[in-house]
Amino acid sequence: MSICSKLKGGLWGVIVGDSFGFTYQMMSRCLDRDFKEVGEIHTPYGLWSDDSSLTLATADALIEGYDVSKIAKNFVQWFYDGEFTPRGFSFDHGRTTKKAIRRIARGIPPLEAGGDEEWDNGNGSLMRILPVVFYTYFNINNKHERLRVIHEVSKITHAHPRTLMGCGIYSLMIWNILDGVDKIKSYYKSIEESKEIYSGEYYLNEWKHYERILSGNIHEFGIDDIKGSGYVVHTLEAALWAFLRTSGFEEAVKEVVSLGGDADTTGAVTGGLAGTYYGLEAIPRDWIGRIERKGEVESIIESFVDSLPVDLGGLS
């Protein structure tokens, strides 16, 4: 599988995972696992939410290099002007994200805008972080420096150390996958790296919240032990759980969306993992074909991938 397939698969995975999950957002669990409770819907309608919008806004800002102010500007344009949206207006705003963007619009510097209180640990930065994960992988060699950038981009809206740590664990997982490590080994390696990187006092109080992930057996938990809520820890647990216990893109997304709750975001985060691991070819073509404003989405993804300093060998 080409690296290009992994990169495009990850980004398209976010979009179609979001779109599939958006259909089931805030519904109860689909207990029969085949979605018969909600009309046997087996493909996304094509409408995508803020998860995809902010992912695309981030990717677009990174095409010309890393500038946190440019990313923040794109977020403001999404919120107020409807840029990077399927229907010309923003919707499905998270509380912490909305407050941060309003602060930026009032002139607060982006790295001072994000919420850093206990209740600011929603999944709003985890859901959009994948373009930054890809960008740092190809532009920065040192993982500590990569994570500095990951944390900065999270801080635009979500600055609490628990959310920074969640984005970091997800990033380490993706980087190991891009290195060619299989998914279970990527998970175990990410745990060991996280324990070293987040060993400082700043993150000391956050370890207990990620205990189940760092135990190394999140994929062995039963479905009744996994929640599809909007809390960053629950979202990361659900994404890793679904990805590690399944054997394909479609299966992973359906598994996590069956949890209900904040299904668009758990679908997006899981879709990013599974799309990167299995590649673009693993995503059902009809799922991509249904995506609203498909041409515009594709243009941003193509331009972003083309901007990365890696020899793609002509593969696309």
C-alpha atoms as a PDB file:
ATOM      1  CA  MET A   1       0.000   0.000   0.000  1.00  0.00           C
ATOM      2  CA  SER A   2       1.359   3.427  -0.927  1.00  0.00           C
ATOM      3  CA  ILE A   3       1.865   6.182   1.616  1.00  0.00           C
ATOM      4  CA  CYS A   4      -0.453   8.287  -0.518  1.00  0.00           C
ATOM      5  CA  SER A   5      -3.238   5.751  -0.005  1.00  0.00           C
ATOM      6  CA  LYS A   6      -2.707   5.923   3.759  1.00  0.00           C
ATOM      7  CA  LEU A   7      -2.812   9.728   3.843  1.00  0.00           C
ATOM      8  CA  LYS A   8      -5.865  10.078   1.639  1.00  0.00           C
ATOM      9  CA  GLY A   9      -7.489   7.144   3.372  1.00  0.00           C
ATOM     10  CA  GLY A  10      -7.048   8.811   6.748  1.00  0.00           C
ATOM     11  CA  LEU A  11      -8.527  12.128   5.658  1.00  0.00           C
ATOM     12  CA  TRP A  12     -11.392  10.586   3.706  1.00  0.00           C
ATOM     13  CA  GLY A  13     -11.862   8.268   6.657  1.00  0.00           C
ATOM     14  CA  VAL A  14     -12.585  11.256   8.893  1.00  0.00           C
ATOM     15  CA  ILE A  15     -15.136  12.629   6.411  1.00  0.00           C
ATOM     16  CA  VAL A  16     -17.069   9.419   5.754  1.00  0.00           C
ATOM     17  CA  GLY A  17     -16.824   8.321   9.399  1.00  0.00           C
ATOM     18  CA  ASP A  18     -18.312  11.659  10.410  1.00  0.00           C
ATOM     19  CA  SER A  19     -21.015  11.395   7.738  1.00  0.00           C
ATOM     20  CA  PHE A  20     -21.960   7.847   8.680  1.00  0.00           C
ATOM     21  CA  GLY A  21     -22.025   8.674  12.376  1.00  0.00           C
ATOM     22  CA  PHE A  22     -23.964  11.907  11.862  1.00  0.00           C
ATOM     23  CA  THR A  23     -26.940   9.805  10.821  1.00  0.00           C
ATOM     24  CA  TYR A  24     -27.004   8.207  14.272  1.00  0.00           C
ATOM     25  CA  GLN A  25     -25.827  11.129  16.412  1.00  0.00           C
ATOM     26  CA  MET A  26     -27.332  11.174  19.912  1.00  0.00           C
ATOM     27  CA  MET A  27     -29.323   7.998  19.308  1.00  0.00           C
ATOM     28  CA  SER A  28     -29.241   5.116  21.749  1.00  0.00           C
ATOM     29  CA  ARG A  29     -27.025   2.122  21.096  1.00  0.00           C
ATOM     30  CA  CYS A  30     -27.912  -0.039  18.098  1.00  0.00           C
ATOM     31  CA  LEU A  31     -28.148  -3.194  20.121  1.00  0.00           C
ATOM     32  CA  ASP A  32     -28.391  -5.666  17.247  1.00  0.00           C
ATOM     33  CA  ARG A  33     -25.208  -4.165  15.707  1.00  0.00           C
ATOM     34  CA  ASP A  34     -26.858  -4.101  12.251  1.00  0.00           C
ATOM     35  CA  PHE A  35     -28.595  -0.743  12.727  1.00  0.00           C
ATOM     36  CA  LYS A  36     -32.066  -2.249  12.228  1.00  0.00           C
ATOM     37  CA  GLU A  37     -33.387  -0.050  15.041  1.00  0.00           C
ATOM     38  CA  VAL A  38     -32.987   2.999  12.830  1.00  0.00           C
ATOM     39  CA  GLY A  39     -34.221   1.723   9.515  1.00  0.00           C
ATOM     40  CA  GLU A  40     -31.360  -0.517   8.380  1.00  0.00           C
ATOM     41  CA  ILE A  41     -29.283   2.399   7.154  1.00  0.00           C
ATOM     42  CA  HIS A  42     -26.001   0.921   5.960  1.00  0.00           C
ATOM     43  CA  THR A  43     -24.401   3.855   4.148  1.00  0.00           C
ATOM     44  CA  PRO A  44     -23.956   7.538   5.049  1.00  0.00           C
ATOM     45  CA  TYR A  45     -26.409  10.083   3.714  1.00  0.00           C
ATOM     46  CA  GLY A  46     -23.514  12.330   2.719  1.00  0.00           C
ATOM     47  CA  LEU A  47     -24.025  15.272   5.061  1.00  0.00           C
ATOM     48  CA  TRP A  48     -20.987  15.954   7.234  1.00  0.00           C
ATOM     49  CA  SER A  49     -20.601  18.028  10.364  1.00  0.00           C
ATOM     50  CA  ASP A  50     -18.175  20.289  12.205  1.00  0.00           C
ATOM     51  CA  ASP A  51     -15.745  17.373  12.598  1.00  0.00           C
ATOM     52  CA  SER A  52     -15.071  17.347   8.868  1.00  0.00           C
ATOM     53  CA  SER A  53     -15.334  21.112   8.487  1.00  0.00           C
ATOM     54  CA  LEU A  54     -12.607  21.786  11.040  1.00  0.00           C
ATOM     55  CA  THR A  55     -10.458  18.962   9.704  1.00  0.00           C
ATOM     56  CA  LEU A  56     -10.678  20.470   6.219  1.00  0.00           C
ATOM     57  CA  ALA A  57     -10.052  23.967   7.604  1.00  0.00           C
ATOM     58  CA  THR A  58      -6.909  22.663   9.313  1.00  0.00           C
ATOM     59  CA  ALA A  59      -5.676  20.821   6.229  1.00  0.00           C
ATOM     60  CA  ASP A  60      -6.247  23.884   4.054  1.00  0.00           C
ATOM     61  CA  ALA A  61      -4.261  26.082   6.445  1.00  0.00           C
ATOM     62  CA  LEU A  62      -1.314  23.663   6.453  1.00  0.00           C
ATOM     63  CA  ILE A  63      -0.899  23.564   2.672  1.00  0.00           C
ATOM     64  CA  GLU A  64       1.458  26.549   2.778  1.00  0.00           C
ATOM     65  CA  GLY A  65       3.147  25.534   6.034  1.00  0.00           C
ATOM     66  CA  TYR A  66       2.466  25.640   9.732  1.00  0.00           C
ATOM     67  CA  ASP A  67       0.996  28.883  11.030  1.00  0.00           C
ATOM     68  CA  VAL A  68      -1.315  28.613  14.025  1.00  0.00           C
ATOM     69  CA  SER A  69      -2.830  32.001  13.171  1.00  0.00           C
ATOM     70  CA  LYS A  70      -3.843  30.746   9.722  1.00  0.00           C
ATOM     71  CA  ILE A  71      -5.533  27.700  11.241  1.00  0.00           C
ATOM     72  CA  ALA A  72      -7.376  29.928  13.705  1.00  0.00           C
ATOM     73  CA  LYS A  73      -8.404  32.286  10.885  1.00  0.00           C
ATOM     74  CA  ASN A  74      -9.899  29.361   8.973  1.00  0.00           C
ATOM     75  CA  PHE A  75     -11.841  28.347  12.075  1.00  0.00           C
ATOM     76  CA  VAL A  76     -13.270  31.862  12.345  1.00  0.00           C
ATOM     77  CA  GLN A  77     -14.253  31.790   8.668  1.00  0.00           C
ATOM     78  CA  TRP A  78     -15.952  28.431   9.206  1.00  0.00           C
ATOM     79  CA  PHE A  79     -17.906  29.658  12.219  1.00  0.00           C
ATOM     80  CA  TYR A  80     -19.008  33.055  10.928  1.00  0.00           C
ATOM     81  CA  ASP A  81     -18.911  32.738   7.129  1.00  0.00           C
ATOM     82  CA  GLY A  82     -19.732  29.093   6.477  1.00  0.00           C
ATOM     83  CA  GLU A  83     -16.420  28.246   4.832  1.00  0.00           C
ATOM     84  CA  PHE A  84     -15.502  24.536   4.750  1.00  0.00           C
ATOM     85  CA  THR A  85     -19.123  23.483   5.233  1.00  0.00           C
ATOM     86  CA  PRO A  86     -21.401  21.240   3.168  1.00  0.00           C
ATOM     87  CA  ARG A  87     -24.278  23.745   2.913  1.00  0.00           C
ATOM     88  CA  GLY A  88     -22.786  27.199   3.343  1.00  0.00           C
ATOM     89  CA  PHE A  89     -23.278  27.648   7.078  1.00  0.00           C
ATOM     90  CA  SER A  90     -21.678  26.222  10.205  1.00  0.00           C
ATOM     91  CA  PHE A  91     -23.626  23.987  12.543  1.00  0.00           C
ATOM     92  CA  ASP A  92     -23.237  21.393  15.310  1.00  0.00           C
ATOM     93  CA  HIS A  93     -20.845  23.640  17.247  1.00  0.00           C
ATOM     94  CA  GLY A  94     -19.273  22.318  20.415  1.00  0.00           C
ATOM     95  CA  ARG A  95     -19.507  24.635  23.425  1.00  0.00           C
ATOM     96  CA  THR A  96     -15.760  24.887  24.079  1.00  0.00           C
ATOM     97  CA  THR A  97     -14.971  25.338  20.374  1.00  0.00           C
ATOM     98  CA  LYS A  98     -17.597  28.051  19.978  1.00  0.00           C
ATOM     99  CA  LYS A  99     -16.336  30.016  22.977  1.00  0.00           C
ATOM    100  CA  ALA A 100     -12.728  29.823  21.784  1.00  0.00           C
ATOM    101  CA  ILE A 101     -13.534  30.984  18.253  1.00  0.00           C
ATOM    102  CA  ARG A 102     -15.505  33.917  19.588  1.00  0.00           C
ATOM    103  CA  ARG A 103     -12.494  34.870  21.704  1.00  0.00           C
ATOM    104  CA  ILE A 104     -10.242  34.726  18.634  1.00  0.00           C
ATOM    105  CA  ALA A 105     -12.680  36.917  16.704  1.00  0.00           C
ATOM    106  CA  ARG A 106     -12.398  39.476  19.515  1.00  0.00           C
ATOM    107  CA  GLY A 107      -8.623  39.564  19.123  1.00  0.00           C
ATOM    108  CA  ILE A 108      -7.457  37.022  21.694  1.00  0.00           C
ATOM    109  CA  PRO A 109      -4.288  35.263  20.411  1.00  0.00           C
ATOM    110  CA  PRO A 110      -5.096  31.701  19.221  1.00  0.00           C
ATOM    111  CA  LEU A 111      -2.849  30.000  21.793  1.00  0.00           C
ATOM    112  CA  GLU A 112      -4.649  31.844  24.598  1.00  0.00           C
ATOM    113  CA  ALA A 113      -8.187  31.266  23.325  1.00  0.00           C
ATOM    114  CA  GLY A 114      -8.810  27.618  24.166  1.00  0.00           C
ATOM    115  CA  GLY A 115     -10.621  26.526  27.295  1.00  0.00           C
ATOM    116  CA  ASP A 116      -8.425  24.977  29.977  1.00  0.00           C
ATOM    117  CA  GLU A 117     -10.923  24.082  32.696  1.00  0.00           C
ATOM    118  CA  GLU A 118     -12.051  20.612  33.732  1.00  0.00           C
ATOM    119  CA  TRP A 119     -15.274  20.967  31.716  1.00  0.00           C
ATOM    120  CA  ASP A 120     -13.344  21.888  28.551  1.00  0.00           C
ATOM    121  CA  ASN A 121     -12.378  18.272  27.826  1.00  0.00           C
ATOM    122  CA  GLY A 122     -14.741  17.586  24.973  1.00  0.00           C
ATOM    123  CA  ASN A 123     -13.557  15.861  21.798  1.00  0.00           C
ATOM    124  CA  GLY A 124     -13.504  19.012  19.648  1.00  0.00           C
ATOM    125  CA  SER A 125      -9.758  19.145  19.043  1.00  0.00           C
ATOM    126  CA  LEU A 126      -9.183  15.377  18.808  1.00  0.00           C
ATOM    127  CA  MET A 127     -11.694  15.164  15.972  1.00  0.00           C
ATOM    128  CA  ARG A 128      -9.760  17.657  13.769  1.00  0.00           C
ATOM    129  CA  ILE A 129      -6.143  16.873  14.628  1.00  0.00           C
ATOM    130  CA  LEU A 130      -5.309  14.340  11.878  1.00  0.00           C
ATOM    131  CA  PRO A 131      -3.960  16.818   9.271  1.00  0.00           C
ATOM    132  CA  VAL A 132      -1.520  18.100  11.896  1.00  0.00           C
ATOM    133  CA  VAL A 133      -0.479  14.526  12.695  1.00  0.00           C
ATOM    134  CA  PHE A 134       0.343  13.986   9.025  1.00  0.00           C
ATOM    135  CA  TYR A 135       2.038  17.370   8.636  1.00  0.00           C
ATOM    136  CA  THR A 136       4.334  16.895  11.620  1.00  0.00           C
ATOM    137  CA  TYR A 137       5.240  13.353  10.584  1.00  0.00           C
ATOM    138  CA  PHE A 138       6.759  14.581   7.324  1.00  0.00           C
ATOM    139  CA  ASN A 139       8.178  17.887   8.523  1.00  0.00           C
ATOM    140  CA  ILE A 140       9.530  17.208  12.025  1.00  0.00           C
ATOM    141  CA  ASN A 141      11.789  14.331  13.059  1.00  0.00           C
ATOM    142  CA  ASN A 142      11.698  14.671  16.841  1.00  0.00           C
ATOM    143  CA  LYS A 143       8.516  13.296  18.452  1.00  0.00           C
ATOM    144  CA  HIS A 144       8.657  15.748  21.339  1.00  0.00           C
ATOM    145  CA  GLU A 145       8.735  18.636  18.861  1.00  0.00           C
ATOM    146  CA  ARG A 146       5.953  17.044  16.835  1.00  0.00           C
ATOM    147  CA  LEU A 147       3.822  16.841  19.961  1.00  0.00           C
ATOM    148  CA  ARG A 148       4.552  20.471  20.784  1.00  0.00           C
ATOM    149  CA  VAL A 149       2.834  21.383  17.512  1.00  0.00           C
ATOM    150  CA  ILE A 150      -0.009  18.913  18.119  1.00  0.00           C
ATOM    151  CA  HIS A 151      -0.611  20.501  21.512  1.00  0.00           C
ATOM    152  CA  GLU A 152      -0.495  24.025  20.074  1.00  0.00           C
ATOM    153  CA  VAL A 153      -3.150  23.254  17.483  1.00  0.00           C
ATOM    154  CA  SER A 154      -5.348  21.629  20.134  1.00  0.00           C
ATOM    155  CA  LYS A 155      -4.951  24.721  22.335  1.00  0.00           C
ATOM    156  CA  ILE A 156      -6.694  26.905  19.770  1.00  0.00           C
ATOM    157  CA  THR A 157      -9.929  25.542  21.228  1.00  0.00           C
ATOM    158  CA  HIS A 158      -9.031  22.941  23.883  1.00  0.00           C
ATOM    159  CA  ALA A 159      -6.078  23.649  26.193  1.00  0.00           C
ATOM    160  CA  HIS A 160      -6.607  21.363  29.172  1.00  0.00           C
ATOM    161  CA  PRO A 161      -3.735  18.851  29.649  1.00  0.00           C
ATOM    162  CA  ARG A 162      -6.166  15.928  29.495  1.00  0.00           C
ATOM    163  CA  THR A 163      -7.181  16.841  25.961  1.00  0.00           C
ATOM    164  CA  LEU A 164      -3.566  17.528  24.958  1.00  0.00           C
ATOM    165  CA  MET A 165      -2.625  14.074  26.193  1.00  0.00           C
ATOM    166  CA  GLY A 166      -5.512  12.474  24.293  1.00  0.00           C
ATOM    167  CA  CYS A 167      -4.464  14.173  21.053  1.00  0.00           C
ATOM    168  CA  GLY A 168      -0.902  13.038  21.748  1.00  0.00           C
ATOM    169  CA  ILE A 169      -1.791   9.372  22.251  1.00  0.00           C
ATOM    170  CA  TYR A 170      -3.829   9.425  19.034  1.00  0.00           C
ATOM    171  CA  SER A 171      -0.938  11.085  17.171  1.00  0.00           C
ATOM    172  CA  LEU A 172       1.593   8.539  18.405  1.00  0.00           C
ATOM    173  CA  MET A 173      -0.699   5.760  17.222  1.00  0.00           C
ATOM    174  CA  ILE A 174      -0.958   7.286  13.736  1.00  0.00           C
ATOM    175  CA  TRP A 175       2.794   7.903  13.486  1.00  0.00           C
ATOM    176  CA  ASN A 176       3.496   4.274  14.324  1.00  0.00           C
ATOM    177  CA  ILE A 177       1.026   3.166  11.664  1.00  0.00           C
ATOM    178  CA  LEU A 178       2.755   5.410   9.110  1.00  0.00           C
ATOM    179  CA  ASP A 179       6.034   3.774  10.143  1.00  0.00           C
ATOM    180  CA  GLY A 180       4.547   0.475   8.967  1.00  0.00           C
ATOM    181  CA  VAL A 181       3.895  -1.054  12.380  1.00  0.00           C
ATOM    182  CA  ASP A 182       0.829  -3.317  12.614  1.00  0.00           C
ATOM    183  CA  LYS A 183      -2.092  -1.975  14.602  1.00  0.00           C
ATOM    184  CA  ILE A 184      -1.731  -3.976  17.821  1.00  0.00           C
ATOM    185  CA  LYS A 185       2.001  -3.308  17.999  1.00  0.00           C
ATOM    186  CA  SER A 186       1.312   0.356  17.186  1.00  0.00           C
ATOM    187  CA  TYR A 187      -1.025   0.489  20.165  1.00  0.00           C
ATOM    188  CA  TYR A 188       1.480  -1.085  22.552  1.00  0.00           C
ATOM    189  CA  LYS A 189       4.298   1.106  21.270  1.00  0.00           C
ATOM    190  CA  SER A 190       2.149   4.213  21.660  1.00  0.00           C
ATOM    191  CA  ILE A 191       1.468   3.273  25.271  1.00  0.00           C
ATOM    192  CA  GLU A 192       5.174   3.004  26.057  1.00  0.00           C
ATOM    193  CA  GLU A 193       5.915   6.290  24.304  1.00  0.00           C
ATOM    194  CA  SER A 194       3.048   8.022  26.099  1.00  0.00           C
ATOM    195  CA  LYS A 195       4.277   6.849  29.487  1.00  0.00           C
ATOM    196  CA  GLU A 196       7.669   8.423  28.768  1.00  0.00           C
ATOM    197  CA  ILE A 197       6.475  11.617  27.110  1.00  0.00           C
ATOM    198  CA  TYR A 198       3.688  12.400  29.579  1.00  0.00           C
ATOM    199  CA  SER A 199       5.649  11.534  32.711  1.00  0.00           C
ATOM    200  CA  GLY A 200       6.088  15.148  33.830  1.00  0.00           C
ATOM    201  CA  GLU A 201       4.221  16.840  36.640  1.00  0.00           C
ATOM    202  CA  TYR A 202       1.983  18.786  34.242  1.00  0.00           C
ATOM    203  CA  TYR A 203       0.289  15.548  33.142  1.00  0.00           C
ATOM    204  CA  LEU A 204       0.540  13.626  36.402  1.00  0.00           C
ATOM    205  CA  ASN A 205      -3.118  14.063  37.338  1.00  0.00           C
ATOM    206  CA  GLU A 206      -4.289  12.948  33.904  1.00  0.00           C
ATOM    207  CA  TRP A 207      -2.881   9.427  33.965  1.00  0.00           C
ATOM    208  CA  LYS A 208      -5.800   8.004  35.937  1.00  0.00           C
ATOM    209  CA  HIS A 209      -8.221   9.194  33.263  1.00  0.00           C
ATOM    210  CA  TYR A 210      -6.381   7.235  30.566  1.00  0.00           C
ATOM    211  CA  GLU A 211      -5.802   4.189  32.750  1.00  0.00           C
ATOM    212  CA  ARG A 212      -7.898   1.873  30.576  1.00  0.00           C
ATOM    213  CA  ILE A 213      -6.084   2.875  27.381  1.00  0.00           C
ATOM    214  CA  LEU A 214      -2.655   2.724  28.995  1.00  0.00           C
ATOM    215  CA  SER A 215      -3.399  -0.709  30.437  1.00  0.00           C
ATOM    216  CA  GLY A 216      -2.870  -2.175  26.963  1.00  0.00           C
ATOM    217  CA  ASN A 217      -6.172  -4.008  26.769  1.00  0.00           C
ATOM    218  CA  ILE A 218      -8.779  -1.441  25.729  1.00  0.00           C
ATOM    219  CA  HIS A 219      -9.772  -3.702  22.816  1.00  0.00           C
ATOM    220  CA  GLU A 220     -10.661  -6.499  25.234  1.00  0.00           C
ATOM    221  CA  PHE A 221     -13.398  -4.543  26.996  1.00  0.00           C
ATOM    222  CA  GLY A 222     -17.020  -5.467  26.318  1.00  0.00           C
ATOM    223  CA  ILE A 223     -19.368  -3.131  24.504  1.00  0.00           C
ATOM    224  CA  ASP A 224     -21.186  -2.262  27.722  1.00  0.00           C
ATOM    225  CA  ASP A 225     -17.927  -0.849  29.105  1.00  0.00           C
ATOM    226  CA  ILE A 226     -17.351   1.574  26.190  1.00  0.00           C
ATOM    227  CA  LYS A 227     -19.142   4.905  25.841  1.00  0.00           C
ATOM    228  CA  GLY A 228     -19.696   6.980  22.723  1.00  0.00           C
ATOM    229  CA  SER A 229     -19.949  10.284  24.562  1.00  0.00           C
ATOM    230  CA  GLY A 230     -18.448  13.646  23.656  1.00  0.00           C
ATOM    231  CA  TYR A 231     -15.838  13.418  26.419  1.00  0.00           C
ATOM    232  CA  VAL A 232     -12.334  13.231  24.921  1.00  0.00           C
ATOM    233  CA  VAL A 233     -11.331  10.171  26.975  1.00  0.00           C
ATOM    234  CA  HIS A 234     -14.476   8.266  26.017  1.00  0.00           C
ATOM    235  CA  THR A 235     -14.010   9.168  22.347  1.00  0.00           C
ATOM    236  CA  LEU A 236     -10.405   7.985  22.266  1.00  0.00           C
ATOM    237  CA  GLU A 237     -11.308   4.798  24.123  1.00  0.00           C
ATOM    238  CA  ALA A 238     -14.150   4.089  21.715  1.00  0.00           C
ATOM    239  CA  ALA A 239     -12.024   4.751  18.618  1.00  0.00           C
ATOM    240  CA  LEU A 240      -9.171   2.518  19.748  1.00  0.00           C
ATOM    241  CA  TRP A 241     -11.612  -0.158  20.906  1.00  0.00           C
ATOM    242  CA  ALA A 242     -13.443  -0.293  17.575  1.00  0.00           C
ATOM    243  CA  PHE A 243     -10.303  -0.059  15.450  1.00  0.00           C
ATOM    244  CA  LEU A 244      -8.342  -2.732  17.314  1.00  0.00           C
ATOM    245  CA  ARG A 245     -11.131  -5.317  17.564  1.00  0.00           C
ATOM    246  CA  THR A 246     -12.217  -5.235  13.904  1.00  0.00           C
ATOM    247  CA  SER A 247     -10.539  -6.165  10.631  1.00  0.00           C
ATOM    248  CA  GLY A 248     -11.591  -3.518   8.117  1.00  0.00           C
ATOM    249  CA  PHE A 249     -12.600   0.101   7.635  1.00  0.00           C
ATOM    250  CA  GLU A 250     -16.339  -0.374   7.275  1.00  0.00           C
ATOM    251  CA  GLU A 251     -16.499  -2.799  10.188  1.00  0.00           C
ATOM    252  CA  ALA A 252     -14.563  -0.433  12.470  1.00  0.00           C
ATOM    253  CA  VAL A 253     -16.781   2.569  11.701  1.00  0.00           C
ATOM    254  CA  LYS A 254     -20.002   0.608  12.115  1.00  0.00           C
ATOM    255  CA  GLU A 255     -18.714  -0.865  15.365  1.00  0.00           C
ATOM    256  CA  VAL A 256     -18.054   2.526  16.928  1.00  0.00           C
ATOM    257  CA  VAL A 257     -21.188   4.169  15.561  1.00  0.00           C
ATOM    258  CA  SER A 258     -23.264   1.360  17.072  1.00  0.00           C
ATOM    259  CA  LEU A 259     -22.406   2.873  20.458  1.00  0.00           C
ATOM    260  CA  GLY A 260     -24.670   5.838  19.689  1.00  0.00           C
ATOM    261  CA  GLY A 261     -24.069   9.112  21.491  1.00  0.00           C
ATOM    262  CA  ASP A 262     -21.645  11.496  19.781  1.00  0.00           C
ATOM    263  CA  ALA A 263     -21.497   9.126  16.831  1.00  0.00           C
ATOM    264  CA  ASP A 264     -20.310  11.632  14.222  1.00  0.00           C
ATOM    265  CA  THR A 265     -17.139  12.346  16.205  1.00  0.00           C
ATOM    266  CA  THR A 266     -16.431   8.770  17.259  1.00  0.00           C
ATOM    267  CA  GLY A 267     -16.996   7.845  13.615  1.00  0.00           C
ATOM    268  CA  ALA A 268     -14.605  10.564  12.450  1.00  0.00           C
ATOM    269  CA  VAL A 269     -11.830   9.680  14.907  1.00  0.00           C
ATOM    270  CA  THR A 270     -12.170   5.953  14.202  1.00  0.00           C
ATOM    271  CA  GLY A 271     -12.373   6.645  10.468  1.00  0.00           C
ATOM    272  CA  GLY A 272      -9.095   8.548  10.629  1.00  0.00           C
ATOM    273  CA  LEU A 273      -7.364   5.621  12.304  1.00  0.00           C
ATOM    274  CA  ALA A 274      -8.859   2.924  10.105  1.00  0.00           C
ATOM    275  CA  GLY A 275      -8.467   4.937   6.893  1.00  0.00           C
ATOM    276  CA  THR A 276      -4.780   5.505   7.601  1.00  0.00           C
ATOM    277  CA  TYR A 277      -4.215   1.848   8.419  1.00  0.00           C
ATOM    278  CA  TYR A 278      -6.246   0.192   5.638  1.00  0.00           C
ATOM    279  CA  GLY A 279      -5.807   2.882   2.987  1.00  0.00           C
ATOM    280  CA  LEU A 280      -8.114   4.734   0.630  1.00  0.00           C
ATOM    281  CA  GLU A 281      -9.042   1.570  -1.278  1.00  0.00           C
ATOM    282  CA  ALA A 282     -10.638   0.091   1.848  1.00  0.00           C
ATOM    283  CA  ILE A 283     -13.263   2.828   2.119  1.00  0.00           C
ATOM    284  CA  PRO A 284     -16.467   1.849   0.276  1.00  0.00           C
ATOM    285  CA  ARG A 285     -16.636   3.869  -2.917  1.00  0.00           C
ATOM    286  CA  ASP A 286     -20.332   4.529  -2.520  1.00  0.00           C
ATOM    287  CA  TRP A 287     -19.662   6.059   0.899  1.00  0.00           C
ATOM    288  CA  ILE A 288     -17.269   8.557  -0.673  1.00  0.00           C
ATOM    289  CA  GLY A 289     -19.592   9.024  -3.637  1.00  0.00           C
ATOM    290  CA  ARG A 290     -22.425  10.215  -1.399  1.00  0.00           C
ATOM    291  CA  ILE A 291     -20.389  12.937   0.336  1.00  0.00           C
ATOM    292  CA  GLU A 292     -21.845  16.403  -0.182  1.00  0.00           C
ATOM    293  CA  ARG A 293     -19.555  18.842  -1.995  1.00  0.00           C
ATOM    294  CA  LYS A 294     -17.342  15.894  -2.789  1.00  0.00           C
ATOM    295  CA  GLY A 295     -15.295  17.858  -5.338  1.00  0.00           C
ATOM    296  CA  GLU A 296     -14.385  20.578  -2.860  1.00  0.00           C
ATOM    297  CA  VAL A 297     -13.498  18.049  -0.177  1.00  0.00           C
ATOM    298  CA  GLU A 298     -11.349  16.148  -2.649  1.00  0.00           C
ATOM    299  CA  SER A 299      -9.596  19.332  -3.783  1.00  0.00           C
ATOM    300  CA  ILE A 300      -8.486  20.196  -0.231  1.00  0.00           C
ATOM    301  CA  ILE A 301      -7.365  16.636   0.490  1.00  0.00           C
ATOM    302  CA  GLU A 302      -5.419  16.392  -2.777  1.00  0.00           C
ATOM    303  CA  SER A 303      -3.758  19.790  -2.301  1.00  0.00           C
ATOM    304  CA  PHE A 304      -2.806  18.988   1.275  1.00  0.00           C
ATOM    305  CA  VAL A 305      -1.306  15.598   0.453  1.00  0.00           C
ATOM    306  CA  ASP A 306       0.550  17.088  -2.537  1.00  0.00           C
ATOM    307  CA  SER A 307       2.034  19.752  -0.252  1.00  0.00           C
ATOM    308  CA  LEU A 308       3.713  17.245   2.063  1.00  0.00           C
ATOM    309  CA  PRO A 309       7.475  16.835   1.519  1.00  0.00           C
ATOM    310  CA  VAL A 310       7.430  13.157   0.663  1.00  0.00           C
ATOM    311  CA  ASP A 311       8.139  11.319  -2.558  1.00  0.00           C
ATOM    312  CA  LEU A 312       4.841   9.694  -3.398  1.00  0.00           C
ATOM    313  CA  GLY A 313       6.365   7.915  -6.356  1.00  0.00           C
ATOM    314  CA  GLY A 314       3.682   9.156  -8.663  1.00  0.00           C
ATOM    315  CA  LEU A 315       1.062   7.089  -6.826  1.00  0.00           C
ATOM    316  CA  SER A 316      -2.258   8.686  -6.043  1.00  0.00           C
END
